[in-house]
Amino acid sequence: MTAQINKKTKGEITREKLVGVAATLFHEKGYHAVGLNEICAVGDLPKGSLYYHFPKGKEQIAVAVIDAAKHQVATDLGEATSSAKSVDQFIDILLARFAQNLAQSDFNKGCPITTINLEMAGSSEPIRAACASAFAHWIDLCAASLKQTGIANVKARDLAELIYASVEGAMILARAQRDVAPILRAAPHLKKLVA
């Protein structure tokens, strides 16, 4: 039996391109600093394509960007979980991945949704809800990984939330210092908490 290759339509490709361009711009400049014309210009796409895929405009694009980031980080978490042989290794892999991504972006890109969340969660319910859903999903995945090591359900969820809060704060410091050391320094402290 031959496996069918799932080819994307032109519309799906265009939508993904719009989301990718918007993600990069929002991540680097922030939500308010980016206009729809800039998204179209950087993506070399007609404005009609943007309104076809996102008839509600920039807020709808931001929600799509957050959803895409939610799935990408979930993939990274899954890879960290599957390659780690212990909770200590999981923490090392997770923090190393965040540090590597930050350094590779020349300290321009931390968490893919933090900038949008900080700017818009107080004024846009759809964006706030999308960010809350993404963070909850990542924390749940991290908690599931911790549970596999024998940590009790409630404690695993609390520890996963603390790990994410620590990583978010460490990434903010790392961006300001242009150094991944704050992220890497968090690892031994987080390992003590989960021991």
C-alpha atoms as a PDB file:
ATOM      1  CA  MET A   1       0.000   0.000   0.000  1.00  0.00           C
ATOM      2  CA  THR A   2       1.467   3.342  -1.036  1.00  0.00           C
ATOM      3  CA  ALA A   3       1.451   6.154   1.503  1.00  0.00           C
ATOM      4  CA  GLN A   4      -0.355   9.219   0.277  1.00  0.00           C
ATOM      5  CA  ILE A   5       1.622  12.421   0.519  1.00  0.00           C
ATOM      6  CA  ASN A   6      -0.490  15.175   1.986  1.00  0.00           C
ATOM      7  CA  LYS A   7       0.246  18.137  -0.268  1.00  0.00           C
ATOM      8  CA  LYS A   8      -0.696  21.583   0.897  1.00  0.00           C
ATOM      9  CA  THR A   9      -2.939  23.785  -1.185  1.00  0.00           C
ATOM     10  CA  LYS A  10      -1.772  27.179  -2.399  1.00  0.00           C
ATOM     11  CA  GLY A  11      -4.113  28.746   0.147  1.00  0.00           C
ATOM     12  CA  GLU A  12      -2.618  26.722   3.017  1.00  0.00           C
ATOM     13  CA  ILE A  13       0.875  27.716   1.930  1.00  0.00           C
ATOM     14  CA  THR A  14      -0.127  31.386   1.744  1.00  0.00           C
ATOM     15  CA  ARG A  15      -1.775  31.248   5.177  1.00  0.00           C
ATOM     16  CA  GLU A  16       1.299  29.587   6.716  1.00  0.00           C
ATOM     17  CA  LYS A  17       3.522  32.217   5.122  1.00  0.00           C
ATOM     18  CA  LEU A  18       1.376  35.030   6.556  1.00  0.00           C
ATOM     19  CA  VAL A  19       1.483  33.448  10.017  1.00  0.00           C
ATOM     20  CA  GLY A  20       5.249  32.883   9.787  1.00  0.00           C
ATOM     21  CA  VAL A  21       5.973  36.447   8.685  1.00  0.00           C
ATOM     22  CA  ALA A  22       3.664  37.891  11.347  1.00  0.00           C
ATOM     23  CA  ALA A  23       5.234  35.646  14.001  1.00  0.00           C
ATOM     24  CA  THR A  24       8.712  36.893  13.178  1.00  0.00           C
ATOM     25  CA  LEU A  25       7.643  40.540  13.118  1.00  0.00           C
ATOM     26  CA  PHE A  26       5.579  40.348  16.320  1.00  0.00           C
ATOM     27  CA  HIS A  27       8.393  38.478  18.035  1.00  0.00           C
ATOM     28  CA  GLU A  28      11.052  40.994  17.047  1.00  0.00           C
ATOM     29  CA  LYS A  29       9.094  44.275  17.132  1.00  0.00           C
ATOM     30  CA  GLY A  30       5.991  43.640  19.188  1.00  0.00           C
ATOM     31  CA  TYR A  31       2.344  43.595  18.242  1.00  0.00           C
ATOM     32  CA  HIS A  32       1.711  47.356  18.162  1.00  0.00           C
ATOM     33  CA  ALA A  33       4.797  48.158  16.083  1.00  0.00           C
ATOM     34  CA  VAL A  34       3.713  45.913  13.204  1.00  0.00           C
ATOM     35  CA  GLY A  35       1.086  46.903  10.659  1.00  0.00           C
ATOM     36  CA  LEU A  36      -0.797  44.802   8.145  1.00  0.00           C
ATOM     37  CA  ASN A  37       0.974  46.548   5.256  1.00  0.00           C
ATOM     38  CA  GLU A  38       4.339  45.527   6.715  1.00  0.00           C
ATOM     39  CA  ILE A  39       3.242  41.892   7.065  1.00  0.00           C
ATOM     40  CA  CYS A  40       2.177  41.875   3.409  1.00  0.00           C
ATOM     41  CA  ALA A  41       5.333  43.662   2.245  1.00  0.00           C
ATOM     42  CA  VAL A  42       7.735  41.402   4.135  1.00  0.00           C
ATOM     43  CA  GLY A  43       5.823  38.327   2.986  1.00  0.00           C
ATOM     44  CA  ASP A  44       5.607  39.674  -0.579  1.00  0.00           C
ATOM     45  CA  LEU A  45       1.879  38.968  -0.509  1.00  0.00           C
ATOM     46  CA  PRO A  46      -1.098  41.018  -1.671  1.00  0.00           C
ATOM     47  CA  LYS A  47      -3.237  42.546   1.061  1.00  0.00           C
ATOM     48  CA  GLY A  48      -6.220  40.639  -0.323  1.00  0.00           C
ATOM     49  CA  SER A  49      -4.568  37.381   0.732  1.00  0.00           C
ATOM     50  CA  LEU A  50      -4.302  38.644   4.271  1.00  0.00           C
ATOM     51  CA  TYR A  51      -7.981  39.574   4.452  1.00  0.00           C
ATOM     52  CA  TYR A  52      -9.022  36.357   2.738  1.00  0.00           C
ATOM     53  CA  HIS A  53      -7.313  34.238   5.406  1.00  0.00           C
ATOM     54  CA  PHE A  54      -7.788  36.658   8.311  1.00  0.00           C
ATOM     55  CA  PRO A  55     -10.954  38.687   7.702  1.00  0.00           C
ATOM     56  CA  LYS A  56     -10.883  40.005  11.295  1.00  0.00           C
ATOM     57  CA  GLY A  57      -7.418  41.503  10.775  1.00  0.00           C
ATOM     58  CA  LYS A  58      -4.361  41.721  12.968  1.00  0.00           C
ATOM     59  CA  GLU A  59      -5.913  40.333  16.144  1.00  0.00           C
ATOM     60  CA  GLN A  60      -6.952  37.170  14.276  1.00  0.00           C
ATOM     61  CA  ILE A  61      -3.430  36.853  12.840  1.00  0.00           C
ATOM     62  CA  ALA A  62      -1.971  37.177  16.348  1.00  0.00           C
ATOM     63  CA  VAL A  63      -4.197  34.343  17.594  1.00  0.00           C
ATOM     64  CA  ALA A  64      -2.992  32.185  14.668  1.00  0.00           C
ATOM     65  CA  VAL A  65       0.623  33.076  15.505  1.00  0.00           C
ATOM     66  CA  ILE A  66       0.084  32.059  19.130  1.00  0.00           C
ATOM     67  CA  ASP A  67      -1.555  28.794  18.065  1.00  0.00           C
ATOM     68  CA  ALA A  68       1.360  27.981  15.736  1.00  0.00           C
ATOM     69  CA  ALA A  69       3.833  28.708  18.548  1.00  0.00           C
ATOM     70  CA  LYS A  70       1.777  26.533  20.891  1.00  0.00           C
ATOM     71  CA  HIS A  71       2.243  23.564  18.573  1.00  0.00           C
ATOM     72  CA  GLN A  72       5.933  24.247  17.849  1.00  0.00           C
ATOM     73  CA  VAL A  73       6.903  24.478  21.510  1.00  0.00           C
ATOM     74  CA  ALA A  74       4.812  21.358  22.196  1.00  0.00           C
ATOM     75  CA  THR A  75       6.893  19.547  19.561  1.00  0.00           C
ATOM     76  CA  ASP A  76      10.092  20.748  21.250  1.00  0.00           C
ATOM     77  CA  LEU A  77       8.772  19.567  24.626  1.00  0.00           C
ATOM     78  CA  GLY A  78       7.925  16.175  23.157  1.00  0.00           C
ATOM     79  CA  GLU A  79      11.439  15.843  21.767  1.00  0.00           C
ATOM     80  CA  ALA A  80      12.949  16.830  25.124  1.00  0.00           C
ATOM     81  CA  THR A  81      10.742  14.297  26.904  1.00  0.00           C
ATOM     82  CA  SER A  82      11.528  11.462  24.518  1.00  0.00           C
ATOM     83  CA  SER A  83      15.292  12.021  24.580  1.00  0.00           C
ATOM     84  CA  ALA A  84      15.617  12.550  28.354  1.00  0.00           C
ATOM     85  CA  LYS A  85      16.370   9.570  30.560  1.00  0.00           C
ATOM     86  CA  SER A  86      15.697  11.463  33.804  1.00  0.00           C
ATOM     87  CA  VAL A  87      13.978  14.593  35.044  1.00  0.00           C
ATOM     88  CA  ASP A  88      17.389  16.269  35.409  1.00  0.00           C
ATOM     89  CA  GLN A  89      18.151  15.521  31.773  1.00  0.00           C
ATOM     90  CA  PHE A  90      14.714  16.828  30.761  1.00  0.00           C
ATOM     91  CA  ILE A  91      15.427  20.144  32.494  1.00  0.00           C
ATOM     92  CA  ASP A  92      18.897  20.360  30.931  1.00  0.00           C
ATOM     93  CA  ILE A  93      17.572  19.636  27.433  1.00  0.00           C
ATOM     94  CA  LEU A  94      14.658  22.046  27.793  1.00  0.00           C
ATOM     95  CA  LEU A  95      16.733  24.949  29.070  1.00  0.00           C
ATOM     96  CA  ALA A  96      19.532  24.289  26.589  1.00  0.00           C
ATOM     97  CA  ARG A  97      17.007  24.419  23.741  1.00  0.00           C
ATOM     98  CA  PHE A  98      15.599  27.760  24.931  1.00  0.00           C
ATOM     99  CA  ALA A  99      19.130  29.123  25.355  1.00  0.00           C
ATOM    100  CA  GLN A 100      20.181  27.903  21.911  1.00  0.00           C
ATOM    101  CA  ASN A 101      17.129  29.426  20.210  1.00  0.00           C
ATOM    102  CA  LEU A 102      17.714  32.739  21.940  1.00  0.00           C
ATOM    103  CA  ALA A 103      21.425  32.842  21.048  1.00  0.00           C
ATOM    104  CA  GLN A 104      20.747  31.835  17.419  1.00  0.00           C
ATOM    105  CA  SER A 105      18.338  34.763  17.083  1.00  0.00           C
ATOM    106  CA  ASP A 106      21.055  37.136  18.324  1.00  0.00           C
ATOM    107  CA  PHE A 107      18.921  37.658  21.443  1.00  0.00           C
ATOM    108  CA  ASN A 108      16.002  39.027  19.432  1.00  0.00           C
ATOM    109  CA  LYS A 109      13.576  36.161  20.060  1.00  0.00           C
ATOM    110  CA  GLY A 110      12.725  34.756  23.465  1.00  0.00           C
ATOM    111  CA  CYS A 111       9.473  32.927  24.090  1.00  0.00           C
ATOM    112  CA  PRO A 112       7.434  33.158  20.877  1.00  0.00           C
ATOM    113  CA  ILE A 113       4.341  34.549  22.624  1.00  0.00           C
ATOM    114  CA  THR A 114       5.660  36.630  25.523  1.00  0.00           C
ATOM    115  CA  THR A 115       5.805  39.924  23.634  1.00  0.00           C
ATOM    116  CA  ILE A 116       2.252  39.583  22.317  1.00  0.00           C
ATOM    117  CA  ASN A 117       1.034  38.467  25.747  1.00  0.00           C
ATOM    118  CA  LEU A 118       2.630  41.399  27.572  1.00  0.00           C
ATOM    119  CA  GLU A 119       1.287  43.932  25.077  1.00  0.00           C
ATOM    120  CA  MET A 120      -2.192  42.589  24.443  1.00  0.00           C
ATOM    121  CA  ALA A 121      -3.490  40.323  27.228  1.00  0.00           C
ATOM    122  CA  GLY A 122      -5.020  43.304  29.019  1.00  0.00           C
ATOM    123  CA  SER A 123      -6.830  44.661  25.982  1.00  0.00           C
ATOM    124  CA  SER A 124      -7.692  41.685  23.760  1.00  0.00           C
ATOM    125  CA  GLU A 125      -9.658  38.767  25.153  1.00  0.00           C
ATOM    126  CA  PRO A 126      -8.987  36.508  22.117  1.00  0.00           C
ATOM    127  CA  ILE A 127      -5.224  37.096  22.422  1.00  0.00           C
ATOM    128  CA  ARG A 128      -5.262  36.662  26.209  1.00  0.00           C
ATOM    129  CA  ALA A 129      -7.214  33.415  25.883  1.00  0.00           C
ATOM    130  CA  ALA A 130      -4.874  32.097  23.171  1.00  0.00           C
ATOM    131  CA  CYS A 131      -1.806  32.893  25.301  1.00  0.00           C
ATOM    132  CA  ALA A 132      -3.373  31.312  28.392  1.00  0.00           C
ATOM    133  CA  SER A 133      -4.185  28.199  26.354  1.00  0.00           C
ATOM    134  CA  ALA A 134      -0.635  27.962  24.995  1.00  0.00           C
ATOM    135  CA  PHE A 135       0.987  28.363  28.410  1.00  0.00           C
ATOM    136  CA  ALA A 136      -1.429  25.859  29.974  1.00  0.00           C
ATOM    137  CA  HIS A 137      -0.705  23.351  27.195  1.00  0.00           C
ATOM    138  CA  TRP A 138       3.064  23.661  27.660  1.00  0.00           C
ATOM    139  CA  ILE A 139       2.756  23.387  31.442  1.00  0.00           C
ATOM    140  CA  ASP A 140       0.526  20.319  31.086  1.00  0.00           C
ATOM    141  CA  LEU A 141       3.050  18.653  28.768  1.00  0.00           C
ATOM    142  CA  CYS A 142       5.884  19.451  31.165  1.00  0.00           C
ATOM    143  CA  ALA A 143       3.805  18.127  34.089  1.00  0.00           C
ATOM    144  CA  ALA A 144       3.111  14.906  32.167  1.00  0.00           C
ATOM    145  CA  SER A 145       6.842  14.494  31.646  1.00  0.00           C
ATOM    146  CA  LEU A 146       7.462  15.020  35.359  1.00  0.00           C
ATOM    147  CA  LYS A 147       4.709  12.523  36.256  1.00  0.00           C
ATOM    148  CA  GLN A 148       6.486   9.871  34.194  1.00  0.00           C
ATOM    149  CA  THR A 149       9.338  10.100  36.700  1.00  0.00           C
ATOM    150  CA  GLY A 150       7.011   9.339  39.599  1.00  0.00           C
ATOM    151  CA  ILE A 151       6.169  12.846  40.788  1.00  0.00           C
ATOM    152  CA  ALA A 152       2.589  13.112  42.095  1.00  0.00           C
ATOM    153  CA  ASN A 153      -0.002  14.804  39.853  1.00  0.00           C
ATOM    154  CA  VAL A 154      -0.566  17.981  41.866  1.00  0.00           C
ATOM    155  CA  LYS A 155       3.126  18.464  42.612  1.00  0.00           C
ATOM    156  CA  ALA A 156       4.043  17.829  38.955  1.00  0.00           C
ATOM    157  CA  ARG A 157       1.643  20.544  37.747  1.00  0.00           C
ATOM    158  CA  ASP A 158       2.941  23.054  40.305  1.00  0.00           C
ATOM    159  CA  LEU A 159       6.566  22.235  39.473  1.00  0.00           C
ATOM    160  CA  ALA A 160       5.893  22.482  35.730  1.00  0.00           C
ATOM    161  CA  GLU A 161       4.359  25.926  36.231  1.00  0.00           C
ATOM    162  CA  LEU A 162       7.370  26.998  38.307  1.00  0.00           C
ATOM    163  CA  ILE A 163       9.755  25.691  35.625  1.00  0.00           C
ATOM    164  CA  TYR A 164       7.972  27.763  32.973  1.00  0.00           C
ATOM    165  CA  ALA A 165       7.822  30.862  35.143  1.00  0.00           C
ATOM    166  CA  SER A 166      11.562  30.488  35.817  1.00  0.00           C
ATOM    167  CA  VAL A 167      12.398  29.960  32.153  1.00  0.00           C
ATOM    168  CA  GLU A 168      10.297  32.968  31.081  1.00  0.00           C
ATOM    169  CA  GLY A 169      12.026  35.204  33.612  1.00  0.00           C
ATOM    170  CA  ALA A 170      15.456  33.822  32.737  1.00  0.00           C
ATOM    171  CA  MET A 171      14.845  34.501  29.037  1.00  0.00           C
ATOM    172  CA  ILE A 172      13.927  38.114  29.781  1.00  0.00           C
ATOM    173  CA  LEU A 173      17.165  38.538  31.766  1.00  0.00           C
ATOM    174  CA  ALA A 174      19.164  36.744  29.056  1.00  0.00           C
ATOM    175  CA  ARG A 175      17.805  39.061  26.359  1.00  0.00           C
ATOM    176  CA  ALA A 176      18.670  42.133  28.424  1.00  0.00           C
ATOM    177  CA  GLN A 177      22.157  40.828  29.197  1.00  0.00           C
ATOM    178  CA  ARG A 178      22.687  39.338  25.724  1.00  0.00           C
ATOM    179  CA  ASP A 179      23.918  36.205  27.483  1.00  0.00           C
ATOM    180  CA  VAL A 180      22.269  32.790  27.954  1.00  0.00           C
ATOM    181  CA  ALA A 181      23.836  32.378  31.410  1.00  0.00           C
ATOM    182  CA  PRO A 182      20.627  33.262  33.334  1.00  0.00           C
ATOM    183  CA  ILE A 183      18.813  30.417  31.567  1.00  0.00           C
ATOM    184  CA  LEU A 184      21.562  27.893  32.175  1.00  0.00           C
ATOM    185  CA  ARG A 185      22.018  28.996  35.804  1.00  0.00           C
ATOM    186  CA  ALA A 186      18.362  28.180  36.469  1.00  0.00           C
ATOM    187  CA  ALA A 187      18.878  24.460  35.705  1.00  0.00           C
ATOM    188  CA  PRO A 188      20.566  23.325  38.964  1.00  0.00           C
ATOM    189  CA  HIS A 189      17.998  25.215  41.059  1.00  0.00           C
ATOM    190  CA  LEU A 190      15.077  23.695  39.170  1.00  0.00           C
ATOM    191  CA  LYS A 191      16.608  20.227  39.532  1.00  0.00           C
ATOM    192  CA  LYS A 192      16.726  20.669  43.331  1.00  0.00           C
ATOM    193  CA  LEU A 193      13.021  21.505  43.333  1.00  0.00           C
ATOM    194  CA  VAL A 194      12.040  18.359  41.463  1.00  0.00           C
ATOM    195  CA  ALA A 195      14.371  16.035  43.415  1.00  0.00           C
END
